[in-house]
C-alpha atoms as a PDB file:
ATOM      1  CA  MET A   1     -32.765  -0.195 -47.537  1.00  0.00           C
ATOM      2  CA  ILE A   2     -31.406   2.640 -46.865  1.00  0.00           C
ATOM      3  CA  ARG A   3     -30.098   4.592 -50.256  1.00  0.00           C
ATOM      4  CA  LEU A   4     -28.274   7.659 -51.511  1.00  0.00           C
ATOM      5  CA  ALA A   5     -25.817   9.633 -53.513  1.00  0.00           C
ATOM      6  CA  ILE A   6     -23.585  11.862 -52.691  1.00  0.00           C
ATOM      7  CA  TYR A   7     -23.087  14.826 -55.373  1.00  0.00           C
ATOM      8  CA  GLY A   8     -20.814  17.891 -55.447  1.00  0.00           C
ATOM      9  CA  LYS A   9     -17.990  19.437 -56.924  1.00  0.00           C
ATOM     10  CA  GLY A  10     -14.752  18.103 -57.357  1.00  0.00           C
ATOM     11  CA  GLY A  11     -12.656  18.486 -55.083  1.00  0.00           C
ATOM     12  CA  ILE A  12     -14.993  19.829 -52.321  1.00  0.00           C
ATOM     13  CA  GLY A  13     -14.359  16.632 -50.178  1.00  0.00           C
ATOM     14  CA  LYS A  14     -17.080  13.597 -50.951  1.00  0.00           C
ATOM     15  CA  SER A  15     -14.961  10.822 -50.202  1.00  0.00           C
ATOM     16  CA  THR A  16     -13.763  12.221 -47.551  1.00  0.00           C
ATOM     17  CA  THR A  17     -17.464  12.920 -45.859  1.00  0.00           C
ATOM     18  CA  ALA A  18     -18.831   9.437 -47.820  1.00  0.00           C
ATOM     19  CA  SER A  19     -15.984   7.672 -46.327  1.00  0.00           C
ATOM     20  CA  ASN A  20     -16.322   9.340 -42.316  1.00  0.00           C
ATOM     21  CA  LEU A  21     -20.351   8.419 -42.813  1.00  0.00           C
ATOM     22  CA  SER A  22     -19.730   5.276 -43.804  1.00  0.00           C
ATOM     23  CA  LEU A  23     -17.833   4.293 -40.777  1.00  0.00           C
ATOM     24  CA  ALA A  24     -20.386   6.309 -38.368  1.00  0.00           C
ATOM     25  CA  PHE A  25     -23.305   4.384 -40.150  1.00  0.00           C
ATOM     26  CA  ALA A  26     -20.827   0.867 -39.474  1.00  0.00           C
ATOM     27  CA  LYS A  27     -20.337   1.825 -35.744  1.00  0.00           C
ATOM     28  CA  LYS A  28     -23.845   2.396 -35.003  1.00  0.00           C
ATOM     29  CA  GLY A  29     -24.958  -1.242 -36.394  1.00  0.00           C
ATOM     30  CA  TYR A  30     -25.533  -0.876 -40.099  1.00  0.00           C
ATOM     31  CA  LYS A  31     -24.401  -2.421 -43.067  1.00  0.00           C
ATOM     32  CA  VAL A  32     -22.291  -0.303 -44.874  1.00  0.00           C
ATOM     33  CA  LEU A  33     -22.089  -0.050 -48.808  1.00  0.00           C
ATOM     34  CA  GLN A  34     -19.516   2.287 -50.536  1.00  0.00           C
ATOM     35  CA  VAL A  35     -19.794   3.151 -53.919  1.00  0.00           C
ATOM     36  CA  GLY A  36     -17.015   4.810 -56.027  1.00  0.00           C
ATOM     37  CA  CYS A  37     -18.491   6.497 -58.746  1.00  0.00           C
ATOM     38  CA  ASP A  38     -15.909   8.813 -60.570  1.00  0.00           C
ATOM     39  CA  PRO A  39     -12.992   7.340 -62.458  1.00  0.00           C
ATOM     40  CA  LYS A  40      -9.957   8.232 -60.370  1.00  0.00           C
ATOM     41  CA  ALA A  41     -11.264   4.825 -58.095  1.00  0.00           C
ATOM     42  CA  ASP A  42     -10.482   7.125 -55.681  1.00  0.00           C
ATOM     43  CA  SER A  43     -13.424   7.460 -52.773  1.00  0.00           C
ATOM     44  CA  THR A  44     -12.740   4.421 -50.883  1.00  0.00           C
ATOM     45  CA  LEU A  45      -9.123   5.011 -49.780  1.00  0.00           C
ATOM     46  CA  LEU A  46     -10.042   6.361 -45.974  1.00  0.00           C
ATOM     47  CA  LEU A  47     -11.184   2.690 -45.513  1.00  0.00           C
ATOM     48  CA  ARG A  48      -8.597   0.967 -46.872  1.00  0.00           C
ATOM     49  CA  ASN A  49      -5.625   2.717 -45.033  1.00  0.00           C
ATOM     50  CA  GLY A  50      -4.571   4.706 -48.762  1.00  0.00           C
ATOM     51  CA  LYS A  51      -4.872   1.345 -50.608  1.00  0.00           C
ATOM     52  CA  ASP A  52      -6.545   0.573 -54.141  1.00  0.00           C
ATOM     53  CA  CYS A  53      -9.426  -0.842 -54.106  1.00  0.00           C
ATOM     54  CA  PRO A  54     -10.132  -3.612 -57.308  1.00  0.00           C
ATOM     55  CA  THR A  55     -12.381  -1.795 -59.861  1.00  0.00           C
ATOM     56  CA  VAL A  56     -15.669  -3.679 -61.346  1.00  0.00           C
ATOM     57  CA  LEU A  57     -14.225  -2.747 -63.997  1.00  0.00           C
ATOM     58  CA  GLU A  58     -10.927  -4.058 -64.150  1.00  0.00           C
ATOM     59  CA  SER A  59     -12.783  -7.302 -63.310  1.00  0.00           C
ATOM     60  CA  LEU A  60     -14.908  -6.972 -65.982  1.00  0.00           C
ATOM     61  CA  ARG A  61     -11.980  -6.463 -68.737  1.00  0.00           C
ATOM     62  CA  LYS A  62      -9.510  -9.290 -67.275  1.00  0.00           C
ATOM     63  CA  LYS A  63     -12.598 -12.045 -66.862  1.00  0.00           C
ATOM     64  CA  GLY A  64     -15.526 -10.927 -68.490  1.00  0.00           C
ATOM     65  CA  PRO A  65     -19.627 -10.825 -67.479  1.00  0.00           C
ATOM     66  CA  THR A  66     -19.977 -14.762 -66.912  1.00  0.00           C
ATOM     67  CA  GLY A  67     -16.324 -14.898 -64.673  1.00  0.00           C
ATOM     68  CA  ILE A  68     -16.803 -11.845 -62.750  1.00  0.00           C
ATOM     69  CA  THR A  69     -18.050 -12.554 -58.962  1.00  0.00           C
ATOM     70  CA  LEU A  70     -19.449  -9.931 -55.921  1.00  0.00           C
ATOM     71  CA  GLU A  71     -16.100 -10.814 -53.956  1.00  0.00           C
ATOM     72  CA  ASP A  72     -14.046  -9.926 -57.583  1.00  0.00           C
ATOM     73  CA  MET A  73     -16.170  -6.354 -57.019  1.00  0.00           C
ATOM     74  CA  VAL A  74     -16.614  -5.629 -53.434  1.00  0.00           C
ATOM     75  CA  ILE A  75     -14.069  -6.015 -50.755  1.00  0.00           C
ATOM     76  CA  LYS A  76     -14.322  -5.185 -46.603  1.00  0.00           C
ATOM     77  CA  GLY A  77     -12.882  -2.229 -45.138  1.00  0.00           C
ATOM     78  CA  THR A  78     -12.452  -0.646 -42.022  1.00  0.00           C
ATOM     79  CA  GLU A  79     -15.104  -1.897 -39.736  1.00  0.00           C
ATOM     80  CA  GLY A  80     -16.873  -4.037 -42.053  1.00  0.00           C
ATOM     81  CA  VAL A  81     -17.666  -1.447 -44.435  1.00  0.00           C
ATOM     82  CA  TYR A  82     -18.918  -2.901 -47.584  1.00  0.00           C
ATOM     83  CA  LEU A  83     -16.359  -0.864 -50.598  1.00  0.00           C
ATOM     84  CA  SER A  84     -16.773  -0.755 -54.513  1.00  0.00           C
ATOM     85  CA  GLU A  85     -15.401   1.162 -56.869  1.00  0.00           C
ATOM     86  CA  ALA A  86     -17.040   1.414 -60.625  1.00  0.00           C
ATOM     87  CA  GLY A  87     -13.486   2.648 -62.254  1.00  0.00           C
ATOM     88  CA  GLY A  88     -12.764   3.989 -65.934  1.00  0.00           C
ATOM     89  CA  PRO A  89     -11.960   3.097 -69.160  1.00  0.00           C
ATOM     90  CA  PRO A  90      -7.895   3.626 -69.450  1.00  0.00           C
ATOM     91  CA  PRO A  91      -7.297   7.919 -70.016  1.00  0.00           C
ATOM     92  CA  GLY A  92      -8.043   8.834 -73.701  1.00  0.00           C
ATOM     93  CA  GLN A  93      -9.793   5.697 -74.092  1.00  0.00           C
ATOM     94  CA  GLY A  94     -14.195   5.373 -74.104  1.00  0.00           C
ATOM     95  CA  CYS A  95     -16.167   6.618 -72.104  1.00  0.00           C
ATOM     96  CA  ALA A  96     -16.620   7.527 -67.602  1.00  0.00           C
ATOM     97  CA  GLY A  97     -20.132   7.241 -67.411  1.00  0.00           C
ATOM     98  CA  ARG A  98     -20.570   4.526 -69.320  1.00  0.00           C
ATOM     99  CA  GLY A  99     -18.363   3.006 -67.025  1.00  0.00           C
ATOM    100  CA  ILE A 100     -20.163   3.307 -64.209  1.00  0.00           C
ATOM    101  CA  VAL A 101     -23.589   2.419 -66.038  1.00  0.00           C
ATOM    102  CA  ALA A 102     -21.766  -0.591 -66.563  1.00  0.00           C
ATOM    103  CA  ALA A 103     -20.424  -1.345 -62.843  1.00  0.00           C
ATOM    104  CA  LEU A 104     -23.774  -0.336 -61.465  1.00  0.00           C
ATOM    105  CA  GLN A 105     -25.804  -2.521 -63.243  1.00  0.00           C
ATOM    106  CA  GLU A 106     -22.952  -5.365 -62.892  1.00  0.00           C
ATOM    107  CA  LEU A 107     -23.641  -5.214 -58.970  1.00  0.00           C
ATOM    108  CA  GLU A 108     -27.225  -5.141 -59.222  1.00  0.00           C
ATOM    109  CA  LYS A 109     -27.519  -8.543 -61.854  1.00  0.00           C
ATOM    110  CA  LYS A 110     -24.936 -10.391 -58.531  1.00  0.00           C
ATOM    111  CA  HIS A 111     -27.570  -9.379 -56.187  1.00  0.00           C
ATOM    112  CA  VAL A 112     -25.170  -7.169 -54.288  1.00  0.00           C
ATOM    113  CA  TYR A 113     -27.719  -5.392 -51.896  1.00  0.00           C
ATOM    114  CA  GLN A 114     -29.064  -9.095 -50.882  1.00  0.00           C
ATOM    115  CA  THR A 115     -26.094 -11.300 -50.762  1.00  0.00           C
ATOM    116  CA  TYR A 116     -24.544  -8.682 -48.057  1.00  0.00           C
ATOM    117  CA  GLY A 117     -27.520  -7.261 -45.959  1.00  0.00           C
ATOM    118  CA  ILE A 118     -26.664  -3.939 -47.065  1.00  0.00           C
ATOM    119  CA  ASP A 119     -29.091  -1.191 -44.889  1.00  0.00           C
ATOM    120  CA  ILE A 120     -26.974   1.654 -46.486  1.00  0.00           C
ATOM    121  CA  VAL A 121     -25.392   2.086 -49.802  1.00  0.00           C
ATOM    122  CA  ILE A 122     -23.615   5.557 -50.557  1.00  0.00           C
ATOM    123  CA  TYR A 123     -22.871   6.250 -54.125  1.00  0.00           C
ATOM    124  CA  ASP A 124     -20.155   8.758 -54.225  1.00  0.00           C
ATOM    125  CA  VAL A 125     -20.202  10.676 -57.590  1.00  0.00           C
ATOM    126  CA  LEU A 126     -18.807  13.330 -59.352  1.00  0.00           C
ATOM    127  CA  GLY A 127     -20.676  16.779 -59.579  1.00  0.00           C
ATOM    128  CA  ASP A 128     -18.779  18.444 -61.944  1.00  0.00           C
ATOM    129  CA  VAL A 129     -20.492  15.915 -64.424  1.00  0.00           C
ATOM    130  CA  VAL A 130     -24.322  15.463 -64.105  1.00  0.00           C
ATOM    131  CA  CYS A 131     -25.078  13.820 -67.822  1.00  0.00           C
ATOM    132  CA  GLY A 132     -25.177  10.117 -68.677  1.00  0.00           C
ATOM    133  CA  GLY A 133     -23.715   7.402 -66.665  1.00  0.00           C
ATOM    134  CA  PHE A 134     -22.197  10.313 -63.982  1.00  0.00           C
ATOM    135  CA  SER A 135     -26.765  11.114 -63.352  1.00  0.00           C
ATOM    136  CA  MET A 136     -27.551   7.207 -63.262  1.00  0.00           C
ATOM    137  CA  PRO A 137     -27.692   7.221 -59.296  1.00  0.00           C
ATOM    138  CA  ILE A 138     -30.322   9.622 -59.305  1.00  0.00           C
ATOM    139  CA  ARG A 139     -31.850   8.729 -62.683  1.00  0.00           C
ATOM    140  CA  ASP A 140     -32.448   4.626 -62.912  1.00  0.00           C
ATOM    141  CA  GLY A 141     -33.428   4.125 -58.941  1.00  0.00           C
ATOM    142  CA  TYR A 142     -29.736   3.371 -57.831  1.00  0.00           C
ATOM    143  CA  ALA A 143     -30.450   6.301 -54.765  1.00  0.00           C
ATOM    144  CA  GLU A 144     -34.000   7.704 -53.711  1.00  0.00           C
ATOM    145  CA  ASN A 145     -32.039  10.028 -51.107  1.00  0.00           C
ATOM    146  CA  VAL A 146     -29.502  12.975 -52.923  1.00  0.00           C
ATOM    147  CA  TYR A 147     -27.176  14.970 -50.278  1.00  0.00           C
ATOM    148  CA  ILE A 148     -25.157  17.886 -51.784  1.00  0.00           C
ATOM    149  CA  LEU A 149     -21.931  18.546 -50.506  1.00  0.00           C
ATOM    150  CA  THR A 150     -21.358  22.427 -51.061  1.00  0.00           C
ATOM    151  CA  SER A 151     -19.090  25.002 -49.677  1.00  0.00           C
ATOM    152  CA  GLY A 152     -19.911  29.229 -49.690  1.00  0.00           C
ATOM    153  CA  GLU A 153     -17.456  29.238 -53.130  1.00  0.00           C
ATOM    154  CA  LYS A 154     -18.707  30.980 -56.212  1.00  0.00           C
ATOM    155  CA  MET A 155     -17.450  27.846 -58.193  1.00  0.00           C
ATOM    156  CA  ALA A 156     -19.195  24.807 -55.385  1.00  0.00           C
ATOM    157  CA  LEU A 157     -22.421  26.951 -55.253  1.00  0.00           C
ATOM    158  CA  HIS A 158     -22.451  26.255 -59.017  1.00  0.00           C
ATOM    159  CA  ALA A 159     -22.504  22.749 -59.452  1.00  0.00           C
ATOM    160  CA  ALA A 160     -24.938  21.796 -56.814  1.00  0.00           C
ATOM    161  CA  MET A 161     -27.105  24.477 -58.378  1.00  0.00           C
ATOM    162  CA  ASN A 162     -26.358  22.467 -61.440  1.00  0.00           C
ATOM    163  CA  ILE A 163     -26.960  19.347 -59.524  1.00  0.00           C
ATOM    164  CA  ALA A 164     -30.093  20.359 -57.518  1.00  0.00           C
ATOM    165  CA  LEU A 165     -31.904  21.146 -61.108  1.00  0.00           C
ATOM    166  CA  ALA A 166     -30.608  17.745 -62.825  1.00  0.00           C
ATOM    167  CA  VAL A 167     -32.208  15.890 -60.132  1.00  0.00           C
ATOM    168  CA  ASP A 168     -35.841  18.438 -60.166  1.00  0.00           C
ATOM    169  CA  SER A 169     -35.770  17.076 -63.621  1.00  0.00           C
ATOM    170  CA  PHE A 170     -35.928  13.458 -62.769  1.00  0.00           C
ATOM    171  CA  LYS A 171     -38.714  14.017 -60.260  1.00  0.00           C
ATOM    172  CA  ASP A 172     -41.747  13.877 -62.113  1.00  0.00           C
ATOM    173  CA  ARG A 173     -40.565  10.118 -62.801  1.00  0.00           C
ATOM    174  CA  GLY A 174     -40.311   8.502 -59.255  1.00  0.00           C
ATOM    175  CA  TYR A 175     -36.495   8.754 -58.837  1.00  0.00           C
ATOM    176  CA  ALA A 176     -34.438  10.689 -56.298  1.00  0.00           C
ATOM    177  CA  THR A 177     -35.007  14.102 -54.575  1.00  0.00           C
ATOM    178  CA  VAL A 178     -32.527  16.574 -53.078  1.00  0.00           C
ATOM    179  CA  ALA A 179     -32.836  15.387 -49.096  1.00  0.00           C
ATOM    180  CA  GLY A 180     -30.348  17.362 -47.374  1.00  0.00           C
ATOM    181  CA  VAL A 181     -27.842  19.546 -47.848  1.00  0.00           C
ATOM    182  CA  ILE A 182     -23.795  19.425 -46.717  1.00  0.00           C
ATOM    183  CA  LEU A 183     -22.633  22.452 -45.442  1.00  0.00           C
ATOM    184  CA  ASN A 184     -18.274  21.738 -45.960  1.00  0.00           C
ATOM    185  CA  LYS A 185     -16.759  24.895 -44.682  1.00  0.00           C
ATOM    186  CA  ARG A 186     -14.129  26.797 -46.642  1.00  0.00           C
ATOM    187  CA  ASN A 187     -14.845  30.146 -44.014  1.00  0.00           C
ATOM    188  CA  VAL A 188     -15.650  32.623 -46.963  1.00  0.00           C
ATOM    189  CA  ASP A 189     -16.918  36.092 -46.635  1.00  0.00           C
ATOM    190  CA  ASN A 190     -20.885  34.754 -45.264  1.00  0.00           C
ATOM    191  CA  GLU A 191     -20.651  31.100 -45.764  1.00  0.00           C
ATOM    192  CA  GLU A 192     -23.685  30.217 -44.017  1.00  0.00           C
ATOM    193  CA  GLY A 193     -26.293  32.835 -45.064  1.00  0.00           C
ATOM    194  CA  LYS A 194     -25.163  32.135 -49.334  1.00  0.00           C
ATOM    195  CA  ILE A 195     -26.024  27.997 -47.805  1.00  0.00           C
ATOM    196  CA  LYS A 196     -28.792  29.206 -46.055  1.00  0.00           C
ATOM    197  CA  GLN A 197     -29.897  30.962 -49.516  1.00  0.00           C
ATOM    198  CA  PHE A 198     -28.843  27.952 -51.866  1.00  0.00           C
ATOM    199  CA  CYS A 199     -31.201  25.493 -49.418  1.00  0.00           C
ATOM    200  CA  ASP A 200     -34.147  28.368 -49.649  1.00  0.00           C
ATOM    201  CA  ASP A 201     -33.522  28.079 -53.424  1.00  0.00           C
ATOM    202  CA  ILE A 202     -33.903  24.766 -53.775  1.00  0.00           C
ATOM    203  CA  GLU A 203     -36.700  23.995 -50.948  1.00  0.00           C
ATOM    204  CA  ALA A 204     -34.059  21.350 -49.693  1.00  0.00           C
ATOM    205  CA  PRO A 205     -33.013  21.111 -45.598  1.00  0.00           C
ATOM    206  CA  LEU A 206     -29.603  21.509 -44.576  1.00  0.00           C
ATOM    207  CA  ALA A 207     -28.186  18.547 -43.146  1.00  0.00           C
ATOM    208  CA  GLY A 208     -25.461  18.928 -41.491  1.00  0.00           C
ATOM    209  CA  LYS A 209     -22.423  21.773 -41.088  1.00  0.00           C
ATOM    210  CA  LEU A 210     -18.291  20.655 -40.983  1.00  0.00           C
ATOM    211  CA  ASP A 211     -15.623  22.584 -39.836  1.00  0.00           C
ATOM    212  CA  PHE A 212     -12.589  23.519 -42.626  1.00  0.00           C
ATOM    213  CA  SER A 213     -10.128  21.147 -39.859  1.00  0.00           C
ATOM    214  CA  LYS A 214      -7.238  20.085 -39.648  1.00  0.00           C
ATOM    215  CA  GLU A 215      -8.158  16.973 -38.157  1.00  0.00           C
ATOM    216  CA  VAL A 216      -9.738  16.560 -41.480  1.00  0.00           C
ATOM    217  CA  GLN A 217      -6.778  16.855 -43.577  1.00  0.00           C
ATOM    218  CA  GLU A 218      -4.070  15.258 -41.158  1.00  0.00           C
ATOM    219  CA  ALA A 219      -6.644  12.498 -41.427  1.00  0.00           C
ATOM    220  CA  ASP A 220      -6.707  12.631 -45.039  1.00  0.00           C
ATOM    221  CA  GLU A 221      -2.656  12.294 -44.753  1.00  0.00           C
ATOM    222  CA  GLN A 222      -3.141   9.929 -43.145  1.00  0.00           C
ATOM    223  CA  SER A 223      -5.581   7.893 -45.480  1.00  0.00           C
ATOM    224  CA  LYS A 224      -7.731   7.005 -42.600  1.00  0.00           C
ATOM    225  CA  THR A 225     -11.203   8.539 -41.513  1.00  0.00           C
ATOM    226  CA  VAL A 226     -11.538  11.081 -38.526  1.00  0.00           C
ATOM    227  CA  LEU A 227     -13.576   8.545 -37.080  1.00  0.00           C
ATOM    228  CA  GLU A 228     -10.413   6.383 -36.638  1.00  0.00           C
ATOM    229  CA  LEU A 229      -8.109   8.355 -36.130  1.00  0.00           C
ATOM    230  CA  TYR A 230      -9.831  11.597 -33.343  1.00  0.00           C
ATOM    231  CA  PRO A 231     -12.542   9.778 -32.764  1.00  0.00           C
ATOM    232  CA  GLU A 232     -13.015  11.938 -29.374  1.00  0.00           C
ATOM    233  CA  SER A 233     -12.495  15.002 -31.629  1.00  0.00           C
ATOM    234  CA  SER A 234     -15.430  17.593 -32.142  1.00  0.00           C
ATOM    235  CA  MET A 235     -14.825  16.718 -36.326  1.00  0.00           C
ATOM    236  CA  ALA A 236     -15.899  13.273 -35.147  1.00  0.00           C
ATOM    237  CA  GLN A 237     -18.773  14.296 -33.350  1.00  0.00           C
ATOM    238  CA  GLN A 238     -19.796  16.619 -36.379  1.00  0.00           C
ATOM    239  CA  TYR A 239     -19.859  13.393 -38.408  1.00  0.00           C
ATOM    240  CA  ILE A 240     -21.658  11.383 -35.711  1.00  0.00           C
ATOM    241  CA  ALA A 241     -24.524  14.702 -36.097  1.00  0.00           C
ATOM    242  CA  LEU A 242     -24.582  14.510 -40.207  1.00  0.00           C
ATOM    243  CA  ALA A 243     -24.724  10.821 -39.690  1.00  0.00           C
ATOM    244  CA  GLU A 244     -27.948  10.901 -37.937  1.00  0.00           C
ATOM    245  CA  ASN A 245     -29.592  13.579 -39.710  1.00  0.00           C
ATOM    246  CA  ILE A 246     -28.856  11.543 -42.616  1.00  0.00           C
ATOM    247  CA  LEU A 247     -31.301   8.892 -40.301  1.00  0.00           C
ATOM    248  CA  LYS A 248     -33.854  11.032 -39.824  1.00  0.00           C
ATOM    249  CA  LEU A 249     -34.073  12.779 -43.208  1.00  0.00           C
ATOM    250  CA  SER A 250     -34.150   9.499 -46.132  1.00  0.00           C
ATOM    251  CA  LYS A 251     -35.919   7.472 -47.042  1.00  0.00           C
ATOM    252  CA  HIS A 252     -36.742   3.879 -46.225  1.00  0.00           C
ATOM    253  CA  THR A 253     -34.997   3.284 -42.510  1.00  0.00           C
ATOM    254  CA  LYS A 254     -34.549   0.837 -40.693  1.00  0.00           C
ATOM    255  CA  GLU A 255     -33.301  -0.426 -38.117  1.00  0.00           C
ATOM    256  CA  PRO A 256     -29.568  -2.652 -38.689  1.00  0.00           C
ATOM    257  CA  SER A 257     -30.364  -6.341 -39.407  1.00  0.00           C
END
């Protein structure tokens, strides 16, 4: 199984990228699980035509740890992609990071990967905060491959470097490593040069480049992925190429089951 986490600054396009990757993998025959690790619970909207996905924490609050089932926590989206949202506490109450911890532990207790025969799991994680529950995918062995999504903007690169440092701090324990960097272009000056320098600084390859595209914006507005709405577009081909590179770069690749 390929276990990967996509990290990056809030608003940089993680959920859009994760959803298009999930669909690209599914179209290749892989069984994919996308797990949203943001209390906003909006990672999976594009694979549900804009419909909210019930969160693990909501189900836990309603049914408790003994009553909750996998069907309460995981649903199917476009092309049969399995979807789960960790969720979070009500605003102003509790710690969102602890919510991620509880959700991931509950999914594992219910043997989600084995039950659904998952080939690829994608954790979509908020990257402005890399402590506590938000670092759980990289520090507790849930993800082996971290992909940092960034543009050439100053604050995006600042968050990206913090993520890389966080991953590096766990490397001696055999946890996740930075498998690659994904450039999500914002057309800033010398953007590709800045990303090349960043990749050199953290000694990680460039996994792919995504253009700043009107098609992505239009697809987001219609609550669909680019691969679903514009399957023949150049942007769809960029997501497919990114998926193929990730298959090459990630640890523990296996053939579709």
